[in-house]
N, C-alpha and C. Protein backbone atom coordinates (compact mmCIF):
# COMPACT_ATOMS: atom_id res chain seq x y z
N MET A 1 7.50 -17.24 12.99
CA MET A 1 7.66 -16.17 13.93
C MET A 1 7.60 -16.75 15.34
N SER A 2 8.48 -16.31 16.22
CA SER A 2 8.48 -16.82 17.59
C SER A 2 7.34 -16.20 18.38
N GLN A 3 7.08 -16.75 19.55
CA GLN A 3 6.01 -16.28 20.43
C GLN A 3 6.17 -14.80 20.77
N SER A 4 7.40 -14.30 20.87
CA SER A 4 7.61 -12.93 21.31
C SER A 4 7.68 -11.91 20.18
N GLU A 5 7.53 -12.34 18.94
CA GLU A 5 7.57 -11.40 17.82
C GLU A 5 6.16 -11.15 17.33
N PRO A 6 5.65 -9.93 17.51
CA PRO A 6 4.29 -9.66 17.10
C PRO A 6 4.14 -9.67 15.58
N THR A 7 3.01 -10.13 15.12
CA THR A 7 2.70 -10.03 13.70
C THR A 7 2.33 -8.59 13.41
N PRO A 8 2.30 -8.19 12.12
CA PRO A 8 1.97 -6.79 11.83
C PRO A 8 0.63 -6.35 12.42
N SER A 9 -0.33 -7.26 12.54
CA SER A 9 -1.63 -6.87 13.08
C SER A 9 -1.76 -7.14 14.57
N ALA A 10 -0.66 -7.51 15.25
CA ALA A 10 -0.73 -7.89 16.66
C ALA A 10 -1.33 -6.80 17.53
N TRP A 11 -0.97 -5.54 17.28
CA TRP A 11 -1.49 -4.47 18.12
C TRP A 11 -2.98 -4.28 17.90
N HIS A 12 -3.43 -4.51 16.67
CA HIS A 12 -4.88 -4.40 16.41
C HIS A 12 -5.63 -5.58 17.01
N ASN A 13 -4.93 -6.67 17.27
CA ASN A 13 -5.54 -7.87 17.85
C ASN A 13 -5.23 -7.99 19.33
N GLY A 14 -5.04 -6.89 20.00
CA GLY A 14 -4.82 -6.92 21.44
C GLY A 14 -3.51 -7.52 21.86
N GLY A 15 -2.51 -7.50 20.98
CA GLY A 15 -1.19 -8.03 21.31
C GLY A 15 -1.05 -9.52 21.11
N ARG A 16 -1.95 -10.13 20.36
CA ARG A 16 -1.90 -11.57 20.12
C ARG A 16 -0.52 -11.99 19.62
N GLY A 17 0.05 -13.01 20.26
CA GLY A 17 1.35 -13.53 19.85
C GLY A 17 2.53 -12.74 20.39
N THR A 18 2.27 -11.83 21.31
CA THR A 18 3.32 -10.95 21.82
C THR A 18 3.54 -11.17 23.32
N VAL A 19 4.81 -11.18 23.74
CA VAL A 19 5.15 -11.17 25.16
C VAL A 19 5.46 -9.73 25.52
N ILE A 20 4.79 -9.23 26.52
CA ILE A 20 5.03 -7.86 26.98
C ILE A 20 5.48 -7.94 28.44
N ARG A 21 6.69 -7.46 28.69
CA ARG A 21 7.20 -7.39 30.06
C ARG A 21 6.85 -6.02 30.62
N TRP A 22 6.52 -5.98 31.90
CA TRP A 22 6.09 -4.72 32.50
C TRP A 22 6.46 -4.68 33.97
N ASP A 23 6.44 -3.48 34.51
CA ASP A 23 6.57 -3.27 35.95
C ASP A 23 6.30 -1.81 36.24
N VAL A 24 6.25 -1.49 37.52
CA VAL A 24 5.98 -0.13 37.97
C VAL A 24 7.17 0.35 38.78
N ALA A 25 7.62 1.56 38.49
CA ALA A 25 8.73 2.17 39.24
C ALA A 25 8.22 3.40 39.97
N ALA A 26 8.74 3.62 41.16
CA ALA A 26 8.41 4.83 41.91
C ALA A 26 9.24 5.98 41.36
N THR A 27 8.60 7.10 41.04
CA THR A 27 9.31 8.29 40.58
C THR A 27 8.73 9.50 41.31
N SER A 28 9.41 10.61 41.21
CA SER A 28 8.89 11.83 41.83
C SER A 28 7.63 12.32 41.13
N LEU A 29 7.35 11.80 39.95
CA LEU A 29 6.14 12.14 39.21
C LEU A 29 4.99 11.21 39.58
N GLY A 30 5.27 10.23 40.42
CA GLY A 30 4.28 9.23 40.80
C GLY A 30 4.66 7.88 40.25
N PRO A 31 3.86 6.86 40.54
CA PRO A 31 4.16 5.52 40.02
C PRO A 31 4.15 5.53 38.49
N MET A 32 5.22 4.99 37.90
CA MET A 32 5.35 4.97 36.45
C MET A 32 5.32 3.53 35.97
N LEU A 33 4.32 3.20 35.16
CA LEU A 33 4.22 1.88 34.56
C LEU A 33 4.95 1.90 33.23
N VAL A 34 5.82 0.93 33.03
CA VAL A 34 6.54 0.77 31.77
C VAL A 34 6.30 -0.64 31.29
N ALA A 35 5.98 -0.78 30.01
CA ALA A 35 5.76 -2.09 29.41
C ALA A 35 6.50 -2.13 28.08
N ALA A 36 7.12 -3.27 27.78
CA ALA A 36 7.91 -3.38 26.55
C ALA A 36 7.77 -4.75 25.91
N SER A 37 7.73 -4.75 24.60
CA SER A 37 7.82 -5.97 23.82
C SER A 37 9.31 -6.21 23.56
N GLU A 38 9.60 -7.23 22.81
CA GLU A 38 10.99 -7.50 22.42
C GLU A 38 11.55 -6.38 21.55
N LYS A 39 10.66 -5.64 20.86
CA LYS A 39 11.08 -4.58 19.94
C LYS A 39 11.25 -3.22 20.60
N GLY A 40 10.59 -2.99 21.74
CA GLY A 40 10.69 -1.68 22.38
C GLY A 40 9.56 -1.43 23.33
N VAL A 41 9.55 -0.23 23.90
CA VAL A 41 8.55 0.16 24.89
C VAL A 41 7.21 0.36 24.18
N VAL A 42 6.16 -0.28 24.72
CA VAL A 42 4.82 -0.19 24.15
C VAL A 42 3.90 0.70 24.97
N ARG A 43 4.25 0.93 26.24
CA ARG A 43 3.39 1.74 27.11
C ARG A 43 4.24 2.35 28.21
N LEU A 44 4.00 3.62 28.48
CA LEU A 44 4.63 4.31 29.59
C LEU A 44 3.56 5.25 30.14
N SER A 45 3.19 5.07 31.39
CA SER A 45 2.11 5.86 31.95
C SER A 45 2.37 6.16 33.42
N PHE A 46 1.69 7.16 33.92
CA PHE A 46 1.84 7.56 35.32
C PHE A 46 0.53 7.31 36.06
N GLY A 47 0.63 6.63 37.21
CA GLY A 47 -0.52 6.38 38.04
C GLY A 47 -1.55 5.46 37.41
N GLU A 48 -1.15 4.70 36.43
CA GLU A 48 -2.07 3.80 35.74
C GLU A 48 -1.96 2.40 36.33
N ASP A 49 -3.07 1.82 36.63
CA ASP A 49 -3.14 0.49 37.20
C ASP A 49 -2.71 -0.55 36.14
N PRO A 50 -1.98 -1.58 36.54
CA PRO A 50 -1.60 -2.62 35.57
C PRO A 50 -2.79 -3.28 34.88
N ALA A 51 -3.97 -3.21 35.49
CA ALA A 51 -5.16 -3.76 34.85
C ALA A 51 -5.47 -3.04 33.53
N VAL A 52 -5.11 -1.77 33.45
CA VAL A 52 -5.32 -1.02 32.21
C VAL A 52 -4.44 -1.60 31.11
N LEU A 53 -3.23 -2.00 31.47
CA LEU A 53 -2.33 -2.63 30.50
C LEU A 53 -2.98 -3.91 29.96
N ALA A 54 -3.55 -4.69 30.84
CA ALA A 54 -4.21 -5.93 30.43
C ALA A 54 -5.39 -5.64 29.51
N SER A 55 -6.09 -4.54 29.75
CA SER A 55 -7.22 -4.21 28.88
C SER A 55 -6.75 -3.71 27.52
N ARG A 56 -5.58 -3.06 27.47
CA ARG A 56 -5.03 -2.59 26.20
C ARG A 56 -4.48 -3.73 25.35
N PHE A 57 -3.93 -4.73 26.03
CA PHE A 57 -3.33 -5.87 25.34
C PHE A 57 -3.92 -7.17 25.89
N PRO A 58 -5.22 -7.39 25.68
CA PRO A 58 -5.88 -8.53 26.30
C PRO A 58 -5.40 -9.90 25.82
N HIS A 59 -4.78 -9.96 24.65
CA HIS A 59 -4.34 -11.24 24.11
C HIS A 59 -2.84 -11.45 24.19
N ALA A 60 -2.12 -10.47 24.76
CA ALA A 60 -0.67 -10.60 24.91
C ALA A 60 -0.36 -11.42 26.16
N GLU A 61 0.81 -11.98 26.18
CA GLU A 61 1.29 -12.63 27.40
C GLU A 61 1.99 -11.55 28.21
N LEU A 62 1.39 -11.14 29.33
CA LEU A 62 1.96 -10.10 30.18
C LEU A 62 2.79 -10.74 31.28
N VAL A 63 4.06 -10.34 31.35
CA VAL A 63 5.00 -10.91 32.31
C VAL A 63 5.58 -9.76 33.13
N GLN A 64 5.45 -9.84 34.44
CA GLN A 64 6.00 -8.79 35.27
C GLN A 64 7.50 -8.99 35.41
N GLY A 65 8.29 -7.99 34.98
CA GLY A 65 9.74 -8.00 35.10
C GLY A 65 10.40 -9.13 34.31
N GLY A 66 11.57 -9.50 34.77
CA GLY A 66 12.30 -10.60 34.16
C GLY A 66 13.19 -10.18 33.01
N GLY A 67 14.11 -11.08 32.66
CA GLY A 67 15.02 -10.85 31.55
C GLY A 67 15.83 -9.58 31.75
N THR A 68 15.98 -8.81 30.69
CA THR A 68 16.72 -7.55 30.76
C THR A 68 15.80 -6.38 31.10
N PHE A 69 14.52 -6.65 31.31
CA PHE A 69 13.56 -5.58 31.56
C PHE A 69 13.89 -4.73 32.78
N PRO A 70 14.33 -5.31 33.92
CA PRO A 70 14.63 -4.45 35.07
C PRO A 70 15.65 -3.35 34.78
N ALA A 71 16.63 -3.63 33.94
CA ALA A 71 17.62 -2.61 33.58
C ALA A 71 16.98 -1.50 32.76
N LEU A 72 16.09 -1.86 31.83
CA LEU A 72 15.39 -0.86 31.04
C LEU A 72 14.51 0.00 31.94
N LEU A 73 13.78 -0.64 32.84
CA LEU A 73 12.91 0.09 33.76
C LEU A 73 13.72 1.06 34.62
N ALA A 74 14.84 0.61 35.13
CA ALA A 74 15.69 1.46 35.97
C ALA A 74 16.22 2.65 35.17
N GLU A 75 16.62 2.43 33.92
CA GLU A 75 17.12 3.52 33.09
C GLU A 75 16.02 4.56 32.83
N ILE A 76 14.82 4.10 32.53
CA ILE A 76 13.73 5.03 32.26
C ILE A 76 13.33 5.77 33.54
N ALA A 77 13.28 5.06 34.66
CA ALA A 77 12.93 5.70 35.93
C ALA A 77 13.96 6.76 36.31
N GLN A 78 15.23 6.45 36.13
CA GLN A 78 16.28 7.42 36.44
C GLN A 78 16.14 8.64 35.52
N ALA A 79 15.86 8.39 34.27
CA ALA A 79 15.72 9.49 33.31
C ALA A 79 14.48 10.33 33.61
N ALA A 80 13.44 9.72 34.17
CA ALA A 80 12.23 10.47 34.51
C ALA A 80 12.52 11.54 35.56
N GLU A 81 13.56 11.32 36.34
CA GLU A 81 13.92 12.29 37.37
C GLU A 81 14.66 13.50 36.81
N ALA A 82 15.18 13.39 35.60
CA ALA A 82 15.91 14.50 34.99
C ALA A 82 15.63 14.54 33.48
N PRO A 83 14.34 14.73 33.09
CA PRO A 83 14.00 14.64 31.68
C PRO A 83 14.69 15.67 30.80
N GLY A 84 15.04 16.82 31.33
CA GLY A 84 15.73 17.83 30.53
C GLY A 84 17.19 17.51 30.32
N GLU A 85 17.71 16.57 31.09
CA GLU A 85 19.13 16.22 31.00
C GLU A 85 19.37 14.91 30.28
N THR A 86 18.30 14.22 29.93
CA THR A 86 18.43 12.88 29.38
C THR A 86 17.89 12.84 27.96
N ASP A 87 18.60 12.15 27.09
CA ASP A 87 18.17 11.92 25.72
C ASP A 87 17.60 10.51 25.65
N PHE A 88 16.33 10.40 25.33
CA PHE A 88 15.66 9.11 25.29
C PHE A 88 15.68 8.45 23.92
N THR A 89 16.26 9.08 22.92
CA THR A 89 16.13 8.58 21.55
C THR A 89 16.79 7.23 21.34
N HIS A 90 17.69 6.82 22.22
CA HIS A 90 18.32 5.50 22.06
C HIS A 90 17.44 4.36 22.58
N ILE A 91 16.38 4.70 23.32
CA ILE A 91 15.49 3.67 23.84
C ILE A 91 14.45 3.36 22.77
N PRO A 92 14.40 2.12 22.30
CA PRO A 92 13.46 1.78 21.23
C PRO A 92 12.01 1.81 21.73
N VAL A 93 11.14 2.22 20.84
CA VAL A 93 9.71 2.20 21.13
C VAL A 93 9.04 1.29 20.11
N ASP A 94 7.95 0.66 20.53
CA ASP A 94 7.19 -0.24 19.67
C ASP A 94 5.73 0.19 19.76
N VAL A 95 5.42 1.28 19.07
CA VAL A 95 4.07 1.82 19.08
C VAL A 95 3.53 1.82 17.67
N GLN A 96 2.26 1.56 17.56
CA GLN A 96 1.62 1.50 16.27
C GLN A 96 0.73 2.72 16.08
N GLY A 97 0.72 3.23 14.89
CA GLY A 97 -0.12 4.38 14.56
C GLY A 97 -0.20 4.54 13.06
N THR A 98 -0.99 5.49 12.64
CA THR A 98 -1.11 5.79 11.22
C THR A 98 0.22 6.37 10.74
N PRO A 99 0.44 6.41 9.44
CA PRO A 99 1.67 7.05 8.96
C PRO A 99 1.82 8.49 9.45
N PHE A 100 0.72 9.24 9.52
CA PHE A 100 0.78 10.62 10.02
C PHE A 100 1.19 10.63 11.49
N GLN A 101 0.58 9.78 12.31
CA GLN A 101 0.95 9.71 13.72
C GLN A 101 2.43 9.35 13.87
N GLN A 102 2.89 8.37 13.12
CA GLN A 102 4.29 7.97 13.18
C GLN A 102 5.20 9.15 12.83
N ALA A 103 4.82 9.92 11.81
CA ALA A 103 5.63 11.08 11.41
C ALA A 103 5.67 12.11 12.54
N ILE A 104 4.53 12.36 13.17
CA ILE A 104 4.48 13.31 14.28
C ILE A 104 5.35 12.81 15.42
N TRP A 105 5.25 11.53 15.75
CA TRP A 105 6.02 10.97 16.86
C TRP A 105 7.52 11.05 16.59
N GLN A 106 7.92 10.84 15.34
CA GLN A 106 9.34 10.99 15.00
C GLN A 106 9.77 12.44 15.13
N ALA A 107 8.91 13.36 14.71
CA ALA A 107 9.22 14.80 14.83
C ALA A 107 9.35 15.18 16.30
N LEU A 108 8.50 14.62 17.15
CA LEU A 108 8.60 14.90 18.59
C LEU A 108 9.94 14.45 19.14
N ARG A 109 10.41 13.29 18.70
CA ARG A 109 11.68 12.77 19.21
C ARG A 109 12.87 13.61 18.74
N ARG A 110 12.66 14.41 17.68
CA ARG A 110 13.75 15.26 17.18
C ARG A 110 13.79 16.64 17.84
N ILE A 111 12.80 16.98 18.66
CA ILE A 111 12.83 18.28 19.34
C ILE A 111 13.94 18.24 20.37
N PRO A 112 14.90 19.14 20.29
CA PRO A 112 16.03 19.12 21.23
C PRO A 112 15.57 19.33 22.68
N LYS A 113 16.31 18.72 23.57
CA LYS A 113 16.05 18.90 25.00
C LYS A 113 16.03 20.39 25.32
N GLY A 114 15.09 20.78 26.16
CA GLY A 114 15.00 22.17 26.59
C GLY A 114 14.27 23.08 25.63
N GLU A 115 13.83 22.55 24.49
CA GLU A 115 13.10 23.36 23.52
C GLU A 115 11.65 22.89 23.42
N THR A 116 10.80 23.77 22.90
CA THR A 116 9.41 23.43 22.66
C THR A 116 9.06 23.77 21.22
N ARG A 117 7.94 23.23 20.78
CA ARG A 117 7.37 23.55 19.48
C ARG A 117 5.88 23.73 19.67
N THR A 118 5.27 24.50 18.78
CA THR A 118 3.82 24.62 18.81
C THR A 118 3.24 23.49 17.96
N TYR A 119 1.95 23.27 18.11
CA TYR A 119 1.28 22.26 17.29
C TYR A 119 1.40 22.63 15.81
N ALA A 120 1.33 23.94 15.50
CA ALA A 120 1.47 24.39 14.12
C ALA A 120 2.87 24.08 13.58
N GLN A 121 3.89 24.31 14.39
CA GLN A 121 5.26 23.99 13.96
C GLN A 121 5.44 22.49 13.77
N LEU A 122 4.81 21.72 14.62
CA LEU A 122 4.90 20.26 14.51
C LEU A 122 4.25 19.79 13.21
N ALA A 123 3.07 20.32 12.90
CA ALA A 123 2.39 19.94 11.66
C ALA A 123 3.23 20.34 10.45
N ALA A 124 3.80 21.52 10.49
CA ALA A 124 4.64 21.98 9.38
C ALA A 124 5.89 21.12 9.24
N ALA A 125 6.43 20.66 10.36
CA ALA A 125 7.65 19.85 10.33
C ALA A 125 7.45 18.52 9.59
N VAL A 126 6.21 18.05 9.55
CA VAL A 126 5.96 16.79 8.83
C VAL A 126 5.32 17.04 7.47
N GLY A 127 5.37 18.30 7.02
CA GLY A 127 4.90 18.63 5.69
C GLY A 127 3.40 18.79 5.57
N ARG A 128 2.69 18.97 6.68
CA ARG A 128 1.24 19.13 6.66
C ARG A 128 0.84 20.35 7.49
N PRO A 129 1.21 21.57 7.04
CA PRO A 129 0.98 22.76 7.85
C PRO A 129 -0.48 23.02 8.18
N GLY A 130 -1.40 22.51 7.41
CA GLY A 130 -2.82 22.72 7.68
C GLY A 130 -3.40 21.71 8.66
N ALA A 131 -2.60 20.76 9.09
CA ALA A 131 -3.09 19.67 9.94
C ALA A 131 -2.77 19.89 11.41
N VAL A 132 -2.99 21.11 11.90
CA VAL A 132 -2.64 21.45 13.27
C VAL A 132 -3.45 20.62 14.27
N ARG A 133 -4.75 20.51 14.04
CA ARG A 133 -5.58 19.71 14.96
C ARG A 133 -5.19 18.24 14.91
N ALA A 134 -4.89 17.74 13.73
CA ALA A 134 -4.48 16.34 13.60
C ALA A 134 -3.14 16.11 14.30
N ALA A 135 -2.27 17.11 14.26
CA ALA A 135 -0.99 17.01 14.99
C ALA A 135 -1.26 16.94 16.48
N GLY A 136 -2.22 17.73 16.97
CA GLY A 136 -2.60 17.67 18.37
C GLY A 136 -3.17 16.32 18.74
N SER A 137 -3.99 15.75 17.87
CA SER A 137 -4.57 14.43 18.13
C SER A 137 -3.49 13.35 18.14
N ALA A 138 -2.54 13.44 17.22
CA ALA A 138 -1.44 12.47 17.19
C ALA A 138 -0.60 12.59 18.44
N ASN A 139 -0.38 13.82 18.87
CA ASN A 139 0.37 14.07 20.10
C ASN A 139 -0.33 13.39 21.28
N GLY A 140 -1.64 13.51 21.34
CA GLY A 140 -2.42 12.92 22.41
C GLY A 140 -2.53 11.40 22.33
N ALA A 141 -2.30 10.82 21.16
CA ALA A 141 -2.39 9.37 20.98
C ALA A 141 -1.08 8.66 21.31
N ASN A 142 -0.11 9.39 21.76
CA ASN A 142 1.21 8.86 22.10
C ASN A 142 1.10 8.00 23.37
N HIS A 143 1.51 6.73 23.27
CA HIS A 143 1.41 5.79 24.39
C HIS A 143 2.68 5.68 25.24
N VAL A 144 3.71 6.40 24.85
CA VAL A 144 4.99 6.34 25.59
C VAL A 144 5.47 7.77 25.84
N SER A 145 4.68 8.50 26.60
CA SER A 145 4.82 9.95 26.70
C SER A 145 6.16 10.49 27.16
N LEU A 146 6.91 9.76 27.91
CA LEU A 146 8.22 10.25 28.32
C LEU A 146 9.26 10.05 27.21
N LEU A 147 9.14 8.94 26.49
CA LEU A 147 10.11 8.61 25.45
C LEU A 147 9.85 9.35 24.15
N ILE A 148 8.59 9.58 23.84
CA ILE A 148 8.21 10.45 22.73
C ILE A 148 7.70 11.71 23.41
N PRO A 149 8.54 12.75 23.47
CA PRO A 149 8.30 13.88 24.37
C PRO A 149 7.18 14.84 23.95
N CYS A 150 5.96 14.36 24.04
CA CYS A 150 4.82 15.21 23.68
C CYS A 150 4.69 16.40 24.61
N ARG A 151 5.34 16.34 25.76
CA ARG A 151 5.30 17.47 26.71
C ARG A 151 6.03 18.70 26.16
N ARG A 152 6.80 18.53 25.10
CA ARG A 152 7.54 19.65 24.51
C ARG A 152 6.71 20.46 23.53
N VAL A 153 5.42 20.12 23.41
CA VAL A 153 4.55 20.84 22.48
C VAL A 153 3.62 21.74 23.28
N ILE A 154 3.54 22.98 22.82
CA ILE A 154 2.70 23.99 23.49
C ILE A 154 1.75 24.60 22.47
N ARG A 155 0.80 25.32 22.98
CA ARG A 155 -0.12 26.04 22.10
C ARG A 155 0.59 27.25 21.50
N THR A 156 0.03 27.76 20.42
CA THR A 156 0.60 28.92 19.74
C THR A 156 0.72 30.13 20.67
N ASP A 157 -0.21 30.24 21.64
CA ASP A 157 -0.16 31.37 22.58
C ASP A 157 0.85 31.15 23.71
N GLY A 158 1.55 30.02 23.69
CA GLY A 158 2.56 29.74 24.70
C GLY A 158 2.06 28.97 25.90
N SER A 159 0.75 28.72 25.99
CA SER A 159 0.22 27.96 27.12
C SER A 159 0.48 26.47 26.92
N LEU A 160 0.39 25.74 28.02
CA LEU A 160 0.76 24.32 27.98
C LEU A 160 -0.24 23.44 27.27
N GLY A 161 -1.51 23.71 27.35
CA GLY A 161 -2.49 22.81 26.76
C GLY A 161 -2.61 21.56 27.60
N GLY A 162 -3.30 20.58 27.11
CA GLY A 162 -3.55 19.36 27.87
C GLY A 162 -2.39 18.38 27.88
N TYR A 163 -2.50 17.42 28.78
CA TYR A 163 -1.52 16.34 28.88
C TYR A 163 -2.22 15.16 29.54
N ALA A 164 -2.06 13.99 29.02
CA ALA A 164 -2.77 12.81 29.52
C ALA A 164 -2.57 12.59 31.01
N TRP A 165 -1.41 12.94 31.53
CA TRP A 165 -1.09 12.66 32.93
C TRP A 165 -1.20 13.91 33.80
N GLY A 166 -1.78 14.98 33.24
CA GLY A 166 -2.01 16.20 34.00
C GLY A 166 -0.92 17.24 33.76
N LEU A 167 -1.31 18.49 33.90
CA LEU A 167 -0.38 19.58 33.65
C LEU A 167 0.77 19.63 34.66
N GLU A 168 0.56 19.16 35.88
CA GLU A 168 1.65 19.16 36.87
C GLU A 168 2.81 18.28 36.40
N ILE A 169 2.50 17.15 35.79
CA ILE A 169 3.56 16.27 35.28
C ILE A 169 4.17 16.86 34.02
N LYS A 170 3.34 17.47 33.17
CA LYS A 170 3.88 18.08 31.95
C LYS A 170 4.92 19.11 32.30
């Protein structure tokens, strides 16, 4: 395996053996940090200091920009300005989670632009209608919030509920 290809346990080992390219783009939502491995985006956050990235992946080789990363960053930043008009499903993500989390994240990516789902609908969509709270937890564990559109999930009563980057950004 090359230096830039993570082993299956790389994420559990702080990114050991992985090269992660990153940078920060200015957006109307605030500074947006994007980080990607060779396989896809591993982190997307708003107003987060790059030091947090280093703490999440303490054993990865973190490289600011370079290669084809600036084009990816520009595409994501441009899309952040018009999230309802942009389909992010073609941008690969490299996030690790339990099989249930992965199923929820895939279901989130299938929600059409301009539509929302409740946590109950999301749980039912992955065949676990009784797992509403677990669906909410999986939604909250999403590390690439713009690309996996957790903002499209609302409470059953129609209210927005929480969002890692604040309700104004949601």
